[in-house]
C-alpha atoms as a PDB file:
ATOM      1  CA  UNK A   1      -9.339   7.433  17.104  1.00  0.00           C
ATOM      2  CA  UNK A   2     -10.276   4.942  14.088  1.00  0.00           C
ATOM      3  CA  UNK A   3     -11.124   1.354  15.091  1.00  0.00           C
ATOM      4  CA  UNK A   4     -10.731  -0.027  12.102  1.00  0.00           C
ATOM      5  CA  UNK A   5      -8.917   1.156   8.841  1.00  0.00           C
ATOM      6  CA  UNK A   6     -10.748   2.274   5.515  1.00  0.00           C
ATOM      7  CA  UNK A   7     -10.017  -0.657   2.489  1.00  0.00           C
ATOM      8  CA  UNK A   8      -8.008   0.665  -0.516  1.00  0.00           C
ATOM      9  CA  UNK A   9     -11.030   0.974  -2.478  1.00  0.00           C
ATOM     10  CA  UNK A  10     -12.673   3.601  -0.160  1.00  0.00           C
ATOM     11  CA  UNK A  11      -9.387   5.733  -0.575  1.00  0.00           C
ATOM     12  CA  UNK A  12      -8.567   8.958  -3.202  1.00  0.00           C
ATOM     13  CA  UNK A  13      -8.296   7.583  -6.668  1.00  0.00           C
ATOM     14  CA  UNK A  14      -7.739   8.442 -10.251  1.00  0.00           C
ATOM     15  CA  UNK A  15      -8.195   6.534 -13.502  1.00  0.00           C
ATOM     16  CA  UNK A  16      -4.888   5.119 -14.623  1.00  0.00           C
ATOM     17  CA  UNK A  17      -5.141   7.127 -17.842  1.00  0.00           C
ATOM     18  CA  UNK A  18      -5.227  10.046 -15.471  1.00  0.00           C
ATOM     19  CA  UNK A  19      -2.416   9.050 -13.122  1.00  0.00           C
ATOM     20  CA  UNK A  20      -0.942  12.659 -13.941  1.00  0.00           C
ATOM     21  CA  UNK A  21      -3.189  13.784 -11.117  1.00  0.00           C
ATOM     22  CA  UNK A  22      -1.213  11.675  -8.723  1.00  0.00           C
ATOM     23  CA  UNK A  23       0.164  13.398  -5.750  1.00  0.00           C
ATOM     24  CA  UNK A  24       3.923  14.176  -5.667  1.00  0.00           C
ATOM     25  CA  UNK A  25       4.336  12.477  -2.141  1.00  0.00           C
ATOM     26  CA  UNK A  26       5.551   9.338  -0.519  1.00  0.00           C
ATOM     27  CA  UNK A  27       3.041   6.724  -0.159  1.00  0.00           C
ATOM     28  CA  UNK A  28       1.192   2.972  -1.095  1.00  0.00           C
ATOM     29  CA  UNK A  29      -0.492   2.636  -4.351  1.00  0.00           C
ATOM     30  CA  UNK A  30      -3.315   0.094  -5.388  1.00  0.00           C
ATOM     31  CA  UNK A  31      -4.410  -0.915  -8.596  1.00  0.00           C
ATOM     32  CA  UNK A  32      -8.141  -1.830  -8.626  1.00  0.00           C
ATOM     33  CA  UNK A  33     -10.625  -2.372 -11.277  1.00  0.00           C
ATOM     34  CA  UNK A  34     -13.730  -0.243 -10.203  1.00  0.00           C
ATOM     35  CA  UNK A  35     -16.436  -2.829 -10.460  1.00  0.00           C
ATOM     36  CA  UNK A  36     -14.236  -5.473  -8.483  1.00  0.00           C
ATOM     37  CA  UNK A  37     -13.343  -3.003  -5.407  1.00  0.00           C
ATOM     38  CA  UNK A  38     -12.254  -5.793  -3.187  1.00  0.00           C
ATOM     39  CA  UNK A  39      -9.754  -7.599  -5.516  1.00  0.00           C
ATOM     40  CA  UNK A  40      -6.401  -5.604  -5.500  1.00  0.00           C
ATOM     41  CA  UNK A  41      -4.691  -6.328  -8.581  1.00  0.00           C
ATOM     42  CA  UNK A  42      -1.483  -4.689  -7.729  1.00  0.00           C
ATOM     43  CA  UNK A  43      -0.161  -2.948  -4.528  1.00  0.00           C
ATOM     44  CA  UNK A  44       3.481  -0.848  -4.416  1.00  0.00           C
ATOM     45  CA  UNK A  45       4.929   2.220  -2.857  1.00  0.00           C
ATOM     46  CA  UNK A  46       6.885   5.173  -3.808  1.00  0.00           C
ATOM     47  CA  UNK A  47       8.948   8.076  -2.432  1.00  0.00           C
ATOM     48  CA  UNK A  48       6.846  10.046  -5.025  1.00  0.00           C
ATOM     49  CA  UNK A  49       4.009   8.525  -6.309  1.00  0.00           C
ATOM     50  CA  UNK A  50       3.215  10.772  -9.318  1.00  0.00           C
ATOM     51  CA  UNK A  51       6.783  10.286 -10.824  1.00  0.00           C
ATOM     52  CA  UNK A  52       6.543   6.502 -10.229  1.00  0.00           C
ATOM     53  CA  UNK A  53       3.636   6.244 -12.466  1.00  0.00           C
ATOM     54  CA  UNK A  54       4.416   9.128 -15.037  1.00  0.00           C
ATOM     55  CA  UNK A  55       8.117   8.210 -15.861  1.00  0.00           C
ATOM     56  CA  UNK A  56       8.909   7.288 -19.287  1.00  0.00           C
ATOM     57  CA  UNK A  57      11.078   5.161 -21.098  1.00  0.00           C
ATOM     58  CA  UNK A  58      13.351   2.441 -19.037  1.00  0.00           C
ATOM     59  CA  UNK A  59      11.849   4.285 -15.881  1.00  0.00           C
ATOM     60  CA  UNK A  60       8.098   3.487 -16.895  1.00  0.00           C
ATOM     61  CA  UNK A  61       6.289   1.447 -14.127  1.00  0.00           C
ATOM     62  CA  UNK A  62       7.021  -2.115 -14.647  1.00  0.00           C
ATOM     63  CA  UNK A  63       3.072  -2.985 -14.113  1.00  0.00           C
ATOM     64  CA  UNK A  64       1.943  -0.231 -17.037  1.00  0.00           C
ATOM     65  CA  UNK A  65       1.575  -2.583 -19.705  1.00  0.00           C
ATOM     66  CA  UNK A  66      -0.397  -5.338 -18.008  1.00  0.00           C
ATOM     67  CA  UNK A  67      -2.764  -2.705 -16.458  1.00  0.00           C
ATOM     68  CA  UNK A  68      -3.565  -1.024 -19.511  1.00  0.00           C
ATOM     69  CA  UNK A  69      -4.747  -4.419 -21.141  1.00  0.00           C
ATOM     70  CA  UNK A  70      -7.182  -4.400 -18.402  1.00  0.00           C
ATOM     71  CA  UNK A  71     -10.470  -2.414 -18.381  1.00  0.00           C
ATOM     72  CA  UNK A  72     -11.458   0.055 -15.863  1.00  0.00           C
ATOM     73  CA  UNK A  73      -8.563   0.294 -13.450  1.00  0.00           C
ATOM     74  CA  UNK A  74      -8.259   2.869 -11.119  1.00  0.00           C
ATOM     75  CA  UNK A  75      -5.260   3.735  -8.892  1.00  0.00           C
ATOM     76  CA  UNK A  76      -6.007   4.351  -5.101  1.00  0.00           C
ATOM     77  CA  UNK A  77      -3.350   5.723  -3.213  1.00  0.00           C
ATOM     78  CA  UNK A  78      -2.421   6.324   0.625  1.00  0.00           C
ATOM     79  CA  UNK A  79      -0.116   9.152   1.459  1.00  0.00           C
ATOM     80  CA  UNK A  80       2.469   8.904   4.119  1.00  0.00           C
ATOM     81  CA  UNK A  81       4.937  11.059   5.930  1.00  0.00           C
ATOM     82  CA  UNK A  82       8.046   9.086   4.923  1.00  0.00           C
ATOM     83  CA  UNK A  83       9.220   6.651   2.574  1.00  0.00           C
ATOM     84  CA  UNK A  84       9.844   4.451   5.086  1.00  0.00           C
ATOM     85  CA  UNK A  85       6.461   4.378   6.486  1.00  0.00           C
ATOM     86  CA  UNK A  86       5.362   3.619   2.901  1.00  0.00           C
ATOM     87  CA  UNK A  87       7.665   0.719   2.708  1.00  0.00           C
ATOM     88  CA  UNK A  88       6.098  -0.810   5.946  1.00  0.00           C
ATOM     89  CA  UNK A  89       2.519  -0.097   4.961  1.00  0.00           C
ATOM     90  CA  UNK A  90       2.985  -1.901   1.340  1.00  0.00           C
ATOM     91  CA  UNK A  91       4.475  -4.939   2.983  1.00  0.00           C
ATOM     92  CA  UNK A  92       1.279  -4.956   5.491  1.00  0.00           C
ATOM     93  CA  UNK A  93      -1.210  -4.586   2.761  1.00  0.00           C
ATOM     94  CA  UNK A  94       0.508  -6.988   0.373  1.00  0.00           C
ATOM     95  CA  UNK A  95       0.184  -9.812   3.014  1.00  0.00           C
ATOM     96  CA  UNK A  96      -3.331  -8.442   3.711  1.00  0.00           C
ATOM     97  CA  UNK A  97      -4.775  -8.392   0.334  1.00  0.00           C
ATOM     98  CA  UNK A  98      -2.525 -11.182  -1.714  1.00  0.00           C
ATOM     99  CA  UNK A  99      -2.714  -8.928  -5.021  1.00  0.00           C
ATOM    100  CA  UNK A 100      -2.258 -11.519  -7.611  1.00  0.00           C
ATOM    101  CA  UNK A 101       0.258  -9.154 -10.154  1.00  0.00           C
ATOM    102  CA  UNK A 102       2.677  -8.525  -6.754  1.00  0.00           C
ATOM    103  CA  UNK A 103       5.874 -11.025  -6.705  1.00  0.00           C
ATOM    104  CA  UNK A 104       7.111 -10.461  -3.312  1.00  0.00           C
ATOM    105  CA  UNK A 105       5.345 -11.149  -0.301  1.00  0.00           C
ATOM    106  CA  UNK A 106       6.908 -10.056   2.678  1.00  0.00           C
ATOM    107  CA  UNK A 107       6.530 -11.573   6.361  1.00  0.00           C
ATOM    108  CA  UNK A 108       5.436  -9.306   9.116  1.00  0.00           C
ATOM    109  CA  UNK A 109       7.044 -11.557  12.051  1.00  0.00           C
ATOM    110  CA  UNK A 110      10.452  -9.940  11.492  1.00  0.00           C
ATOM    111  CA  UNK A 111       9.370  -6.269  12.123  1.00  0.00           C
ATOM    112  CA  UNK A 112       9.910  -4.663  15.412  1.00  0.00           C
ATOM    113  CA  UNK A 113       7.851  -2.574  17.563  1.00  0.00           C
ATOM    114  CA  UNK A 114       8.183   0.735  15.759  1.00  0.00           C
ATOM    115  CA  UNK A 115       6.692  -0.691  12.829  1.00  0.00           C
ATOM    116  CA  UNK A 116       3.608  -2.083  14.974  1.00  0.00           C
ATOM    117  CA  UNK A 117       3.159   1.538  15.931  1.00  0.00           C
ATOM    118  CA  UNK A 118       3.540   2.845  12.324  1.00  0.00           C
ATOM    119  CA  UNK A 119       0.831   0.817  11.171  1.00  0.00           C
ATOM    120  CA  UNK A 120      -1.283   1.412  13.913  1.00  0.00           C
ATOM    121  CA  UNK A 121      -1.080   5.038  13.389  1.00  0.00           C
ATOM    122  CA  UNK A 122      -4.455   5.045  11.554  1.00  0.00           C
ATOM    123  CA  UNK A 123      -5.887   2.756  13.894  1.00  0.00           C
ATOM    124  CA  UNK A 124      -4.957   3.021  17.508  1.00  0.00           C
ATOM    125  CA  UNK A 125      -6.434  -0.082  18.896  1.00  0.00           C
ATOM    126  CA  UNK A 126      -5.230  -2.250  16.234  1.00  0.00           C
ATOM    127  CA  UNK A 127      -1.658  -0.785  16.600  1.00  0.00           C
ATOM    128  CA  UNK A 128      -1.729  -1.227  20.426  1.00  0.00           C
ATOM    129  CA  UNK A 129      -2.782  -4.690  19.946  1.00  0.00           C
ATOM    130  CA  UNK A 130       0.156  -5.450  17.315  1.00  0.00           C
ATOM    131  CA  UNK A 131       2.624  -3.702  19.572  1.00  0.00           C
ATOM    132  CA  UNK A 132       1.842  -5.567  22.533  1.00  0.00           C
ATOM    133  CA  UNK A 133       1.779  -8.939  20.334  1.00  0.00           C
ATOM    134  CA  UNK A 134       5.194  -7.914  19.178  1.00  0.00           C
ATOM    135  CA  UNK A 135       6.542  -7.022  22.519  1.00  0.00           C
ATOM    136  CA  UNK A 136       5.447 -10.317  23.956  1.00  0.00           C
ATOM    137  CA  UNK A 137       6.888 -12.511  21.257  1.00  0.00           C
ATOM    138  CA  UNK A 138      10.232 -10.586  21.980  1.00  0.00           C
ATOM    139  CA  UNK A 139      10.165 -11.593  25.598  1.00  0.00           C
ATOM    140  CA  UNK A 140       9.334 -15.181  24.770  1.00  0.00           C
ATOM    141  CA  UNK A 141      12.173 -16.018  22.763  1.00  0.00           C
END
């Protein structure tokens, strides 16, 4: 049981130029410059992280040019079991870190109890507290 989750900068990562080594699984990824580990530049999700970052032509990642113009960018990632879990985790991380290159900032209050349980899968206590909060808000409405 984990009391707190690890920040993205302490997760597995690859250099942006070595993005071909990314895993072929669903998950959330973070673009971070190595000398500013607590400032996340971009957060995204994919059903296949490797495919998302290695595509060419029209399917090329829309932030690749922006990130290539910066020095020392690494792609940190968190694998998830499903694409849906990755979508929920991405929304939580965007709200938490407020990356400057993200356009959307999703709201947390429209989520249900299953989202709180999924979010808390890595941190049991935080997930339980979030679950109780969501349940109480549902009862009070």
